[in-house]
Amino acid sequence: MQIVRTVLWVLIFVGIALFSAINWKPVEVNLWGDFVVETKVPVLVIVSFLLGLVPMWLYHRGAKWSLNRRIGSLENAVRSTALSSRHSAPPSSPASNAPAPPVADPAPTDDTLKPDGNS
């Protein structure tokens, strides 16, 4: 994509250079009432090009900056949610997931008390 952008800019500059070489003539520009500026045609074309390019470029940069901030904010929210859900869940260990071993029935016992050794 970078090469396409570079080729387009080179073509624009070559076109402006050719136009400047062919049309290097003075022109009069009436700005306000009797305020007249005498300039060369290429200067007028370049200034007109920049007057159209710069505002749209600034708008593009502002929109891109705003969207990058929004994307960063959303990524941070997802990251913090993922971290908080990881820390809030109890840790699962393999020992706690295994079923408890079956307990053997204890031997039946008498409820009577017997003295030691003399039974």
PDB file of N, CA and C in Angstrom:
ATOM      1  N   MET A   1       0.833  -1.194   0.000  1.00  0.00           N
ATOM      2  CA  MET A   1       0.000   0.000   0.000  1.00  0.00           C
ATOM      3  C   MET A   1       0.872   1.251   0.000  1.00  0.00           C
ATOM      4  N   GLN A   2       2.005   1.168   0.648  1.00  0.00           N
ATOM      5  CA  GLN A   2       2.918   2.308   0.705  1.00  0.00           C
ATOM      6  C   GLN A   2       3.422   2.661  -0.694  1.00  0.00           C
ATOM      7  N   ILE A   3       3.679   1.655  -1.522  1.00  0.00           N
ATOM      8  CA  ILE A   3       4.187   1.919  -2.863  1.00  0.00           C
ATOM      9  C   ILE A   3       3.131   2.628  -3.710  1.00  0.00           C
ATOM     10  N   VAL A   4       1.869   2.274  -3.545  1.00  0.00           N
ATOM     11  CA  VAL A   4       0.795   2.926  -4.301  1.00  0.00           C
ATOM     12  C   VAL A   4       0.700   4.398  -3.910  1.00  0.00           C
ATOM     13  N   ARG A   5       0.782   4.664  -2.624  1.00  0.00           N
ATOM     14  CA  ARG A   5       0.729   6.049  -2.157  1.00  0.00           C
ATOM     15  C   ARG A   5       1.922   6.844  -2.691  1.00  0.00           C
ATOM     16  N   THR A   6       3.092   6.243  -2.670  1.00  0.00           N
ATOM     17  CA  THR A   6       4.285   6.922  -3.173  1.00  0.00           C
ATOM     18  C   THR A   6       4.163   7.210  -4.665  1.00  0.00           C
ATOM     19  N   VAL A   7       3.680   6.244  -5.425  1.00  0.00           N
ATOM     20  CA  VAL A   7       3.515   6.440  -6.879  1.00  0.00           C
ATOM     21  C   VAL A   7       2.512   7.561  -7.154  1.00  0.00           C
ATOM     22  N   LEU A   8       1.413   7.597  -6.405  1.00  0.00           N
ATOM     23  CA  LEU A   8       0.423   8.666  -6.608  1.00  0.00           C
ATOM     24  C   LEU A   8       1.016  10.042  -6.309  1.00  0.00           C
ATOM     25  N   TRP A   9       1.769  10.163  -5.217  1.00  0.00           N
ATOM     26  CA  TRP A   9       2.380  11.457  -4.900  1.00  0.00           C
ATOM     27  C   TRP A   9       3.410  11.864  -5.956  1.00  0.00           C
ATOM     28  N   VAL A  10       4.164  10.912  -6.445  1.00  0.00           N
ATOM     29  CA  VAL A  10       5.149  11.235  -7.494  1.00  0.00           C
ATOM     30  C   VAL A  10       4.425  11.711  -8.750  1.00  0.00           C
ATOM     31  N   LEU A  11       3.330  11.045  -9.112  1.00  0.00           N
ATOM     32  CA  LEU A  11       2.564  11.467 -10.292  1.00  0.00           C
ATOM     33  C   LEU A  11       1.977  12.865 -10.106  1.00  0.00           C
ATOM     34  N   ILE A  12       1.489  13.157  -8.922  1.00  0.00           N
ATOM     35  CA  ILE A  12       0.957  14.497  -8.658  1.00  0.00           C
ATOM     36  C   ILE A  12       2.058  15.543  -8.800  1.00  0.00           C
ATOM     37  N   PHE A  13       3.223  15.279  -8.214  1.00  0.00           N
ATOM     38  CA  PHE A  13       4.311  16.260  -8.296  1.00  0.00           C
ATOM     39  C   PHE A  13       4.846  16.416  -9.709  1.00  0.00           C
ATOM     40  N   VAL A  14       4.905  15.333 -10.470  1.00  0.00           N
ATOM     41  CA  VAL A  14       5.353  15.427 -11.863  1.00  0.00           C
ATOM     42  C   VAL A  14       4.342  16.232 -12.672  1.00  0.00           C
ATOM     43  N   GLY A  15       3.051  15.985 -12.434  1.00  0.00           N
ATOM     44  CA  GLY A  15       2.016  16.748 -13.130  1.00  0.00           C
ATOM     45  C   GLY A  15       2.089  18.228 -12.815  1.00  0.00           C
ATOM     46  N   ILE A  16       2.294  18.555 -11.541  1.00  0.00           N
ATOM     47  CA  ILE A  16       2.411  19.961 -11.159  1.00  0.00           C
ATOM     48  C   ILE A  16       3.664  20.587 -11.772  1.00  0.00           C
ATOM     49  N   ALA A  17       4.765  19.842 -11.813  1.00  0.00           N
ATOM     50  CA  ALA A  17       6.000  20.366 -12.409  1.00  0.00           C
ATOM     51  C   ALA A  17       5.823  20.629 -13.902  1.00  0.00           C
ATOM     52  N   LEU A  18       5.187  19.703 -14.612  1.00  0.00           N
ATOM     53  CA  LEU A  18       4.950  19.912 -16.038  1.00  0.00           C
ATOM     54  C   LEU A  18       4.005  21.093 -16.273  1.00  0.00           C
ATOM     55  N   PHE A  19       2.950  21.171 -15.495  1.00  0.00           N
ATOM     56  CA  PHE A  19       2.020  22.282 -15.613  1.00  0.00           C
ATOM     57  C   PHE A  19       2.727  23.609 -15.332  1.00  0.00           C
ATOM     58  N   SER A  20       3.612  23.608 -14.325  1.00  0.00           N
ATOM     59  CA  SER A  20       4.345  24.835 -13.984  1.00  0.00           C
ATOM     60  C   SER A  20       5.276  25.256 -15.105  1.00  0.00           C
ATOM     61  N   ALA A  21       5.961  24.302 -15.705  1.00  0.00           N
ATOM     62  CA  ALA A  21       6.900  24.633 -16.781  1.00  0.00           C
ATOM     63  C   ALA A  21       6.171  25.185 -18.005  1.00  0.00           C
ATOM     64  N   ILE A  22       5.022  24.633 -18.308  1.00  0.00           N
ATOM     65  CA  ILE A  22       4.293  25.068 -19.499  1.00  0.00           C
ATOM     66  C   ILE A  22       3.578  26.403 -19.264  1.00  0.00           C
ATOM     67  N   ASN A  23       3.062  26.643 -18.070  1.00  0.00           N
ATOM     68  CA  ASN A  23       2.220  27.813 -17.806  1.00  0.00           C
ATOM     69  C   ASN A  23       2.883  28.840 -16.884  1.00  0.00           C
ATOM     70  N   TRP A  24       4.136  29.088 -17.035  1.00  0.00           N
ATOM     71  CA  TRP A  24       4.821  30.045 -16.175  1.00  0.00           C
ATOM     72  C   TRP A  24       4.542  31.467 -16.685  1.00  0.00           C
ATOM     73  N   LYS A  25       3.332  31.933 -16.418  1.00  0.00           N
ATOM     74  CA  LYS A  25       2.915  33.248 -16.877  1.00  0.00           C
ATOM     75  C   LYS A  25       2.280  33.983 -15.704  1.00  0.00           C
ATOM     76  N   PRO A  26       2.433  35.292 -15.658  1.00  0.00           N
ATOM     77  CA  PRO A  26       1.783  36.034 -14.565  1.00  0.00           C
ATOM     78  C   PRO A  26       0.282  36.188 -14.827  1.00  0.00           C
ATOM     79  N   VAL A  27      -0.477  36.118 -13.730  1.00  0.00           N
ATOM     80  CA  VAL A  27      -1.926  36.348 -13.803  1.00  0.00           C
ATOM     81  C   VAL A  27      -2.314  37.295 -12.683  1.00  0.00           C
ATOM     82  N   GLU A  28      -3.413  38.014 -12.896  1.00  0.00           N
ATOM     83  CA  GLU A  28      -3.931  38.912 -11.868  1.00  0.00           C
ATOM     84  C   GLU A  28      -5.132  38.251 -11.208  1.00  0.00           C
ATOM     85  N   VAL A  29      -5.118  38.252  -9.866  1.00  0.00           N
ATOM     86  CA  VAL A  29      -6.212  37.665  -9.100  1.00  0.00           C
ATOM     87  C   VAL A  29      -6.878  38.782  -8.310  1.00  0.00           C
ATOM     88  N   ASN A  30      -8.183  39.014  -8.560  1.00  0.00           N
ATOM     89  CA  ASN A  30      -8.948  40.013  -7.812  1.00  0.00           C
ATOM     90  C   ASN A  30      -9.508  39.347  -6.556  1.00  0.00           C
ATOM     91  N   LEU A  31      -9.028  39.775  -5.396  1.00  0.00           N
ATOM     92  CA  LEU A  31      -9.474  39.156  -4.158  1.00  0.00           C
ATOM     93  C   LEU A  31     -10.673  39.891  -3.555  1.00  0.00           C
ATOM     94  N   TRP A  32     -10.484  41.135  -3.135  1.00  0.00           N
ATOM     95  CA  TRP A  32     -11.580  41.918  -2.542  1.00  0.00           C
ATOM     96  C   TRP A  32     -11.606  43.289  -3.202  1.00  0.00           C
ATOM     97  N   GLY A  33     -12.663  43.562  -3.858  1.00  0.00           N
ATOM     98  CA  GLY A  33     -12.827  44.885  -4.455  1.00  0.00           C
ATOM     99  C   GLY A  33     -11.677  45.246  -5.374  1.00  0.00           C
ATOM    100  N   ASP A  34     -10.885  46.230  -4.935  1.00  0.00           N
ATOM    101  CA  ASP A  34      -9.759  46.668  -5.762  1.00  0.00           C
ATOM    102  C   ASP A  34      -8.431  46.102  -5.273  1.00  0.00           C
ATOM    103  N   PHE A  35      -8.479  45.047  -4.460  1.00  0.00           N
ATOM    104  CA  PHE A  35      -7.258  44.373  -3.996  1.00  0.00           C
ATOM    105  C   PHE A  35      -6.890  43.305  -5.022  1.00  0.00           C
ATOM    106  N   VAL A  36      -5.811  43.562  -5.775  1.00  0.00           N
ATOM    107  CA  VAL A  36      -5.399  42.685  -6.872  1.00  0.00           C
ATOM    108  C   VAL A  36      -4.020  42.127  -6.553  1.00  0.00           C
ATOM    109  N   VAL A  37      -3.861  40.813  -6.735  1.00  0.00           N
ATOM    110  CA  VAL A  37      -2.567  40.148  -6.525  1.00  0.00           C
ATOM    111  C   VAL A  37      -2.107  39.626  -7.868  1.00  0.00           C
ATOM    112  N   GLU A  38      -0.872  39.929  -8.201  1.00  0.00           N
ATOM    113  CA  GLU A  38      -0.299  39.396  -9.434  1.00  0.00           C
ATOM    114  C   GLU A  38       0.648  38.271  -9.049  1.00  0.00           C
ATOM    115  N   THR A  39       0.372  37.092  -9.569  1.00  0.00           N
ATOM    116  CA  THR A  39       1.169  35.904  -9.235  1.00  0.00           C
ATOM    117  C   THR A  39       1.297  35.022 -10.460  1.00  0.00           C
ATOM    118  N   LYS A  40       2.117  34.025 -10.366  1.00  0.00           N
ATOM    119  CA  LYS A  40       2.289  33.068 -11.463  1.00  0.00           C
ATOM    120  C   LYS A  40       1.214  31.989 -11.360  1.00  0.00           C
ATOM    121  N   VAL A  41       0.862  31.386 -12.463  1.00  0.00           N
ATOM    122  CA  VAL A  41      -0.186  30.365 -12.507  1.00  0.00           C
ATOM    123  C   VAL A  41       0.149  29.155 -11.620  1.00  0.00           C
ATOM    124  N   PRO A  42       1.375  28.631 -11.640  1.00  0.00           N
ATOM    125  CA  PRO A  42       1.667  27.463 -10.799  1.00  0.00           C
ATOM    126  C   PRO A  42       1.488  27.739  -9.295  1.00  0.00           C
ATOM    127  N   VAL A  43       1.826  28.949  -8.879  1.00  0.00           N
ATOM    128  CA  VAL A  43       1.637  29.289  -7.462  1.00  0.00           C
ATOM    129  C   VAL A  43       0.150  29.260  -7.123  1.00  0.00           C
ATOM    130  N   LEU A  44      -0.654  29.786  -8.006  1.00  0.00           N
ATOM    131  CA  LEU A  44      -2.097  29.786  -7.809  1.00  0.00           C
ATOM    132  C   LEU A  44      -2.645  28.352  -7.753  1.00  0.00           C
ATOM    133  N   VAL A  45      -2.159  27.471  -8.599  1.00  0.00           N
ATOM    134  CA  VAL A  45      -2.614  26.078  -8.619  1.00  0.00           C
ATOM    135  C   VAL A  45      -2.186  25.352  -7.346  1.00  0.00           C
ATOM    136  N   ILE A  46      -0.952  25.557  -6.918  1.00  0.00           N
ATOM    137  CA  ILE A  46      -0.453  24.878  -5.719  1.00  0.00           C
ATOM    138  C   ILE A  46      -1.203  25.356  -4.480  1.00  0.00           C
ATOM    139  N   VAL A  47      -1.442  26.655  -4.380  1.00  0.00           N
ATOM    140  CA  VAL A  47      -2.183  27.185  -3.229  1.00  0.00           C
ATOM    141  C   VAL A  47      -3.613  26.647  -3.238  1.00  0.00           C
ATOM    142  N   SER A  48      -4.228  26.581  -4.396  1.00  0.00           N
ATOM    143  CA  SER A  48      -5.589  26.039  -4.487  1.00  0.00           C
ATOM    144  C   SER A  48      -5.619  24.561  -4.091  1.00  0.00           C
ATOM    145  N   PHE A  49      -4.623  23.806  -4.534  1.00  0.00           N
ATOM    146  CA  PHE A  49      -4.522  22.391  -4.175  1.00  0.00           C
ATOM    147  C   PHE A  49      -4.392  22.223  -2.661  1.00  0.00           C
ATOM    148  N   LEU A  50      -3.531  23.030  -2.054  1.00  0.00           N
ATOM    149  CA  LEU A  50      -3.342  22.937  -0.605  1.00  0.00           C
ATOM    150  C   LEU A  50      -4.578  23.398   0.168  1.00  0.00           C
ATOM    151  N   LEU A  51      -5.291  24.397  -0.345  1.00  0.00           N
ATOM    152  CA  LEU A  51      -6.521  24.824   0.314  1.00  0.00           C
ATOM    153  C   LEU A  51      -7.586  23.729   0.310  1.00  0.00           C
ATOM    154  N   GLY A  52      -7.559  22.880  -0.682  1.00  0.00           N
ATOM    155  CA  GLY A  52      -8.491  21.755  -0.706  1.00  0.00           C
ATOM    156  C   GLY A  52      -7.987  20.555   0.074  1.00  0.00           C
ATOM    157  N   LEU A  53      -6.676  20.340   0.093  1.00  0.00           N
ATOM    158  CA  LEU A  53      -6.107  19.163   0.727  1.00  0.00           C
ATOM    159  C   LEU A  53      -6.008  19.281   2.247  1.00  0.00           C
ATOM    160  N   VAL A  54      -5.525  20.396   2.741  1.00  0.00           N
ATOM    161  CA  VAL A  54      -5.221  20.527   4.165  1.00  0.00           C
ATOM    162  C   VAL A  54      -6.456  20.362   5.056  1.00  0.00           C
ATOM    163  N   PRO A  55      -7.589  21.001   4.787  1.00  0.00           N
ATOM    164  CA  PRO A  55      -8.740  20.780   5.680  1.00  0.00           C
ATOM    165  C   PRO A  55      -9.212  19.319   5.709  1.00  0.00           C
ATOM    166  N   MET A  56      -9.243  18.666   4.561  1.00  0.00           N
ATOM    167  CA  MET A  56      -9.668  17.268   4.537  1.00  0.00           C
ATOM    168  C   MET A  56      -8.647  16.366   5.221  1.00  0.00           C
ATOM    169  N   TRP A  57      -7.374  16.681   5.085  1.00  0.00           N
ATOM    170  CA  TRP A  57      -6.335  15.909   5.770  1.00  0.00           C
ATOM    171  C   TRP A  57      -6.452  16.078   7.283  1.00  0.00           C
ATOM    172  N   LEU A  58      -6.714  17.317   7.730  1.00  0.00           N
ATOM    173  CA  LEU A  58      -6.887  17.557   9.170  1.00  0.00           C
ATOM    174  C   LEU A  58      -8.127  16.832   9.694  1.00  0.00           C
ATOM    175  N   TYR A  59      -9.207  16.839   8.939  1.00  0.00           N
ATOM    176  CA  TYR A  59     -10.415  16.115   9.336  1.00  0.00           C
ATOM    177  C   TYR A  59     -10.126  14.619   9.435  1.00  0.00           C
ATOM    178  N   HIS A  60      -9.417  14.086   8.450  1.00  0.00           N
ATOM    179  CA  HIS A  60      -9.059  12.665   8.447  1.00  0.00           C
ATOM    180  C   HIS A  60      -8.209  12.311   9.657  1.00  0.00           C
ATOM    181  N   ARG A  61      -7.216  13.133   9.950  1.00  0.00           N
ATOM    182  CA  ARG A  61      -6.348  12.861  11.113  1.00  0.00           C
ATOM    183  C   ARG A  61      -7.138  12.924  12.411  1.00  0.00           C
ATOM    184  N   GLY A  62      -8.068  13.879  12.524  1.00  0.00           N
ATOM    185  CA  GLY A  62      -8.888  13.982  13.734  1.00  0.00           C
ATOM    186  C   GLY A  62      -9.791  12.776  13.907  1.00  0.00           C
ATOM    187  N   ALA A  63     -10.416  12.335  12.824  1.00  0.00           N
ATOM    188  CA  ALA A  63     -11.292  11.164  12.899  1.00  0.00           C
ATOM    189  C   ALA A  63     -10.482   9.914  13.233  1.00  0.00           C
ATOM    190  N   LYS A  64      -9.314   9.788  12.634  1.00  0.00           N
ATOM    191  CA  LYS A  64      -8.462   8.630  12.905  1.00  0.00           C
ATOM    192  C   LYS A  64      -7.999   8.633  14.361  1.00  0.00           C
ATOM    193  N   TRP A  65      -7.632   9.801  14.878  1.00  0.00           N
ATOM    194  CA  TRP A  65      -7.203   9.917  16.271  1.00  0.00           C
ATOM    195  C   TRP A  65      -8.349   9.527  17.201  1.00  0.00           C
ATOM    196  N   SER A  66      -9.545  10.027  16.913  1.00  0.00           N
ATOM    197  CA  SER A  66     -10.708   9.725  17.751  1.00  0.00           C
ATOM    198  C   SER A  66     -11.030   8.230  17.732  1.00  0.00           C
ATOM    199  N   LEU A  67     -11.010   7.622  16.559  1.00  0.00           N
ATOM    200  CA  LEU A  67     -11.303   6.197  16.468  1.00  0.00           C
ATOM    201  C   LEU A  67     -10.223   5.353  17.142  1.00  0.00           C
ATOM    202  N   ASN A  68      -8.964   5.754  17.030  1.00  0.00           N
ATOM    203  CA  ASN A  68      -7.894   5.022  17.716  1.00  0.00           C
ATOM    204  C   ASN A  68      -8.056   5.105  19.226  1.00  0.00           C
ATOM    205  N   ARG A  69      -8.482   6.262  19.733  1.00  0.00           N
ATOM    206  CA  ARG A  69      -8.734   6.387  21.173  1.00  0.00           C
ATOM    207  C   ARG A  69      -9.890   5.486  21.594  1.00  0.00           C
ATOM    208  N   ARG A  70     -10.948   5.436  20.792  1.00  0.00           N
ATOM    209  CA  ARG A  70     -12.097   4.591  21.115  1.00  0.00           C
ATOM    210  C   ARG A  70     -11.703   3.113  21.096  1.00  0.00           C
ATOM    211  N   ILE A  71     -10.948   2.715  20.093  1.00  0.00           N
ATOM    212  CA  ILE A  71     -10.497   1.325  20.011  1.00  0.00           C
ATOM    213  C   ILE A  71      -9.620   0.978  21.201  1.00  0.00           C
ATOM    214  N   GLY A  72      -8.705   1.869  21.556  1.00  0.00           N
ATOM    215  CA  GLY A  72      -7.846   1.635  22.723  1.00  0.00           C
ATOM    216  C   GLY A  72      -8.651   1.515  24.000  1.00  0.00           C
ATOM    217  N   SER A  73      -9.657   2.356  24.152  1.00  0.00           N
ATOM    218  CA  SER A  73     -10.510   2.303  25.339  1.00  0.00           C
ATOM    219  C   SER A  73     -11.267   0.985  25.400  1.00  0.00           C
ATOM    220  N   LEU A  74     -11.810   0.531  24.274  1.00  0.00           N
ATOM    221  CA  LEU A  74     -12.530  -0.742  24.248  1.00  0.00           C
ATOM    222  C   LEU A  74     -11.598  -1.922  24.515  1.00  0.00           C
ATOM    223  N   GLU A  75     -10.384  -1.885  23.958  1.00  0.00           N
ATOM    224  CA  GLU A  75      -9.424  -2.957  24.217  1.00  0.00           C
ATOM    225  C   GLU A  75      -9.051  -3.009  25.693  1.00  0.00           C
ATOM    226  N   ASN A  76      -8.867  -1.849  26.319  1.00  0.00           N
ATOM    227  CA  ASN A  76      -8.551  -1.824  27.741  1.00  0.00           C
ATOM    228  C   ASN A  76      -9.705  -2.358  28.574  1.00  0.00           C
ATOM    229  N   ALA A  77     -10.938  -2.039  28.191  1.00  0.00           N
ATOM    230  CA  ALA A  77     -12.102  -2.535  28.920  1.00  0.00           C
ATOM    231  C   ALA A  77     -12.186  -4.054  28.824  1.00  0.00           C
ATOM    232  N   VAL A  78     -11.954  -4.598  27.645  1.00  0.00           N
ATOM    233  CA  VAL A  78     -11.986  -6.052  27.473  1.00  0.00           C
ATOM    234  C   VAL A  78     -10.871  -6.694  28.281  1.00  0.00           C
ATOM    235  N   ARG A  79      -9.690  -6.098  28.239  1.00  0.00           N
ATOM    236  CA  ARG A  79      -8.550  -6.643  28.977  1.00  0.00           C
ATOM    237  C   ARG A  79      -8.824  -6.638  30.480  1.00  0.00           C
ATOM    238  N   SER A  80      -9.365  -5.544  31.019  1.00  0.00           N
ATOM    239  CA  SER A  80      -9.626  -5.481  32.454  1.00  0.00           C
ATOM    240  C   SER A  80     -10.760  -6.423  32.848  1.00  0.00           C
ATOM    241  N   THR A  81     -11.755  -6.592  31.980  1.00  0.00           N
ATOM    242  CA  THR A  81     -12.834  -7.538  32.266  1.00  0.00           C
ATOM    243  C   THR A  81     -12.300  -8.965  32.298  1.00  0.00           C
ATOM    244  N   ALA A  82     -11.439  -9.280  31.357  1.00  0.00           N
ATOM    245  CA  ALA A  82     -10.870 -10.625  31.321  1.00  0.00           C
ATOM    246  C   ALA A  82     -10.018 -10.878  32.560  1.00  0.00           C
ATOM    247  N   LEU A  83      -9.245  -9.896  32.972  1.00  0.00           N
ATOM    248  CA  LEU A  83      -8.407 -10.070  34.164  1.00  0.00           C
ATOM    249  C   LEU A  83      -9.254 -10.173  35.421  1.00  0.00           C
ATOM    250  N   SER A  84     -10.304  -9.366  35.526  1.00  0.00           N
ATOM    251  CA  SER A  84     -11.125  -9.416  36.732  1.00  0.00           C
ATOM    252  C   SER A  84     -11.911 -10.720  36.808  1.00  0.00           C
ATOM    253  N   SER A  85     -12.356 -11.253  35.680  1.00  0.00           N
ATOM    254  CA  SER A  85     -13.078 -12.526  35.721  1.00  0.00           C
ATOM    255  C   SER A  85     -12.126 -13.674  36.034  1.00  0.00           C
ATOM    256  N   ARG A  86     -10.882 -13.546  35.632  1.00  0.00           N
ATOM    257  CA  ARG A  86      -9.903 -14.582  35.938  1.00  0.00           C
ATOM    258  C   ARG A  86      -9.591 -14.585  37.425  1.00  0.00           C
ATOM    259  N   HIS A  87      -9.519 -13.398  38.053  1.00  0.00           N
ATOM    260  CA  HIS A  87      -9.181 -13.320  39.469  1.00  0.00           C
ATOM    261  C   HIS A  87     -10.381 -13.582  40.359  1.00  0.00           C
ATOM    262  N   SER A  88     -11.592 -13.364  39.906  1.00  0.00           N
ATOM    263  CA  SER A  88     -12.755 -13.551  40.761  1.00  0.00           C
ATOM    264  C   SER A  88     -13.181 -15.015  40.823  1.00  0.00           C
ATOM    265  N   ALA A  89     -12.890 -15.814  39.821  1.00  0.00           N
ATOM    266  CA  ALA A  89     -13.263 -17.227  39.831  1.00  0.00           C
ATOM    267  C   ALA A  89     -12.316 -17.991  40.747  1.00  0.00           C
ATOM    268  N   PRO A  90     -12.825 -18.972  41.516  1.00  0.00           N
ATOM    269  CA  PRO A  90     -11.929 -19.738  42.386  1.00  0.00           C
ATOM    270  C   PRO A  90     -10.974 -20.558  41.534  1.00  0.00           C
ATOM    271  N   PRO A  91      -9.762 -20.672  41.990  1.00  0.00           N
ATOM    272  CA  PRO A  91      -8.796 -21.422  41.182  1.00  0.00           C
ATOM    273  C   PRO A  91      -9.187 -22.893  41.148  1.00  0.00           C
ATOM    274  N   SER A  92      -9.135 -23.451  40.003  1.00  0.00           N
ATOM    275  CA  SER A  92      -9.491 -24.860  39.879  1.00  0.00           C
ATOM    276  C   SER A  92      -8.201 -25.667  39.831  1.00  0.00           C
ATOM    277  N   SER A  93      -8.087 -26.592  40.775  1.00  0.00           N
ATOM    278  CA  SER A  93      -6.909 -27.465  40.790  1.00  0.00           C
ATOM    279  C   SER A  93      -7.374 -28.871  40.458  1.00  0.00           C
ATOM    280  N   PRO A  94      -6.504 -29.697  39.941  1.00  0.00           N
ATOM    281  CA  PRO A  94      -6.904 -31.061  39.584  1.00  0.00           C
ATOM    282  C   PRO A  94      -7.395 -31.849  40.794  1.00  0.00           C
ATOM    283  N   ALA A  95      -6.851 -31.586  41.990  1.00  0.00           N
ATOM    284  CA  ALA A  95      -7.266 -32.337  43.172  1.00  0.00           C
ATOM    285  C   ALA A  95      -8.701 -31.983  43.566  1.00  0.00           C
ATOM    286  N   SER A  96      -9.094 -30.730  43.409  1.00  0.00           N
ATOM    287  CA  SER A  96     -10.444 -30.352  43.815  1.00  0.00           C
ATOM    288  C   SER A  96     -11.487 -30.820  42.808  1.00  0.00           C
ATOM    289  N   ASN A  97     -11.091 -31.055  41.578  1.00  0.00           N
ATOM    290  CA  ASN A  97     -12.028 -31.536  40.574  1.00  0.00           C
ATOM    291  C   ASN A  97     -12.235 -33.039  40.643  1.00  0.00           C
ATOM    292  N   ALA A  98     -11.307 -33.785  41.256  1.00  0.00           N
ATOM    293  CA  ALA A  98     -11.421 -35.239  41.337  1.00  0.00           C
ATOM    294  C   ALA A  98     -12.504 -35.598  42.351  1.00  0.00           C
ATOM    295  N   PRO A  99     -13.255 -36.661  42.106  1.00  0.00           N
ATOM    296  CA  PRO A  99     -14.281 -37.063  43.077  1.00  0.00           C
ATOM    297  C   PRO A  99     -13.624 -37.602  44.347  1.00  0.00           C
ATOM    298  N   ALA A 100     -14.310 -37.429  45.437  1.00  0.00           N
ATOM    299  CA  ALA A 100     -13.791 -37.916  46.718  1.00  0.00           C
ATOM    300  C   ALA A 100     -13.815 -39.438  46.720  1.00  0.00           C
ATOM    301  N   PRO A 101     -12.810 -40.069  47.343  1.00  0.00           N
ATOM    302  CA  PRO A 101     -12.805 -41.542  47.386  1.00  0.00           C
ATOM    303  C   PRO A 101     -13.973 -42.041  48.233  1.00  0.00           C
ATOM    304  N   PRO A 102     -14.522 -43.181  47.870  1.00  0.00           N
ATOM    305  CA  PRO A 102     -15.648 -43.698  48.657  1.00  0.00           C
ATOM    306  C   PRO A 102     -15.212 -44.038  50.081  1.00  0.00           C
ATOM    307  N   VAL A 103     -16.095 -43.751  50.999  1.00  0.00           N
ATOM    308  CA  VAL A 103     -15.798 -44.004  52.401  1.00  0.00           C
ATOM    309  C   VAL A 103     -16.340 -45.391  52.751  1.00  0.00           C
ATOM    310  N   ALA A 104     -15.472 -46.229  53.349  1.00  0.00           N
ATOM    311  CA  ALA A 104     -15.898 -47.583  53.737  1.00  0.00           C
ATOM    312  C   ALA A 104     -16.788 -47.481  54.966  1.00  0.00           C
ATOM    313  N   ASP A 105     -17.756 -48.369  55.036  1.00  0.00           N
ATOM    314  CA  ASP A 105     -18.634 -48.371  56.203  1.00  0.00           C
ATOM    315  C   ASP A 105     -17.827 -48.802  57.423  1.00  0.00           C
ATOM    316  N   PRO A 106     -17.945 -48.036  58.492  1.00  0.00           N
ATOM    317  CA  PRO A 106     -17.215 -48.462  59.692  1.00  0.00           C
ATOM    318  C   PRO A 106     -17.838 -49.744  60.268  1.00  0.00           C
ATOM    319  N   ALA A 107     -17.023 -50.465  60.997  1.00  0.00           N
ATOM    320  CA  ALA A 107     -17.505 -51.715  61.615  1.00  0.00           C
ATOM    321  C   ALA A 107     -18.591 -51.389  62.634  1.00  0.00           C
ATOM    322  N   PRO A 108     -19.593 -52.217  62.714  1.00  0.00           N
ATOM    323  CA  PRO A 108     -20.636 -51.942  63.698  1.00  0.00           C
ATOM    324  C   PRO A 108     -20.062 -51.984  65.114  1.00  0.00           C
ATOM    325  N   THR A 109     -20.487 -51.082  65.905  1.00  0.00           N
ATOM    326  CA  THR A 109     -20.001 -51.007  67.281  1.00  0.00           C
ATOM    327  C   THR A 109     -21.170 -51.155  68.242  1.00  0.00           C
ATOM    328  N   ASP A 110     -20.833 -51.633  69.431  1.00  0.00           N
ATOM    329  CA  ASP A 110     -21.849 -51.727  70.461  1.00  0.00           C
ATOM    330  C   ASP A 110     -21.965 -50.386  71.133  1.00  0.00           C
ATOM    331  N   ASP A 111     -23.125 -50.128  71.616  1.00  0.00           N
ATOM    332  CA  ASP A 111     -23.320 -48.876  72.321  1.00  0.00           C
ATOM    333  C   ASP A 111     -23.022 -49.020  73.813  1.00  0.00           C
ATOM    334  N   THR A 112     -22.608 -50.178  74.228  1.00  0.00           N
ATOM    335  CA  THR A 112     -22.340 -50.373  75.644  1.00  0.00           C
ATOM    336  C   THR A 112     -20.883 -50.124  75.936  1.00  0.00           C
ATOM    337  N   LEU A 113     -20.611 -49.672  77.109  1.00  0.00           N
ATOM    338  CA  LEU A 113     -19.238 -49.439  77.541  1.00  0.00           C
ATOM    339  C   LEU A 113     -18.675 -50.708  78.151  1.00  0.00           C
ATOM    340  N   LYS A 114     -17.454 -51.035  77.790  1.00  0.00           N
ATOM    341  CA  LYS A 114     -16.814 -52.227  78.315  1.00  0.00           C
ATOM    342  C   LYS A 114     -15.510 -51.819  78.963  1.00  0.00           C
ATOM    343  N   PRO A 115     -15.185 -52.477  80.061  1.00  0.00           N
ATOM    344  CA  PRO A 115     -13.917 -52.172  80.680  1.00  0.00           C
ATOM    345  C   PRO A 115     -12.771 -52.739  79.828  1.00  0.00           C
ATOM    346  N   ASP A 116     -11.626 -52.087  79.945  1.00  0.00           N
ATOM    347  CA  ASP A 116     -10.470 -52.509  79.144  1.00  0.00           C
ATOM    348  C   ASP A 116      -9.897 -53.826  79.695  1.00  0.00           C
ATOM    349  N   GLY A 117      -9.569 -54.681  78.795  1.00  0.00           N
ATOM    350  CA  GLY A 117      -8.817 -55.886  79.091  1.00  0.00           C
ATOM    351  C   GLY A 117      -9.618 -57.011  79.719  1.00  0.00           C
ATOM    352  N   ASN A 118     -10.735 -56.844  80.383  1.00  0.00           N
ATOM    353  CA  ASN A 118     -11.431 -57.911  81.052  1.00  0.00           C
ATOM    354  C   ASN A 118     -12.736 -58.246  80.344  1.00  0.00           C
ATOM    355  N   SER A 119     -12.755 -58.490  79.208  1.00  0.00           N
ATOM    356  CA  SER A 119     -14.013 -58.818  78.598  1.00  0.00           C
ATOM    357  C   SER A 119     -14.199 -60.264  78.400  1.00  0.00           C
TER     358      SER A 119
END
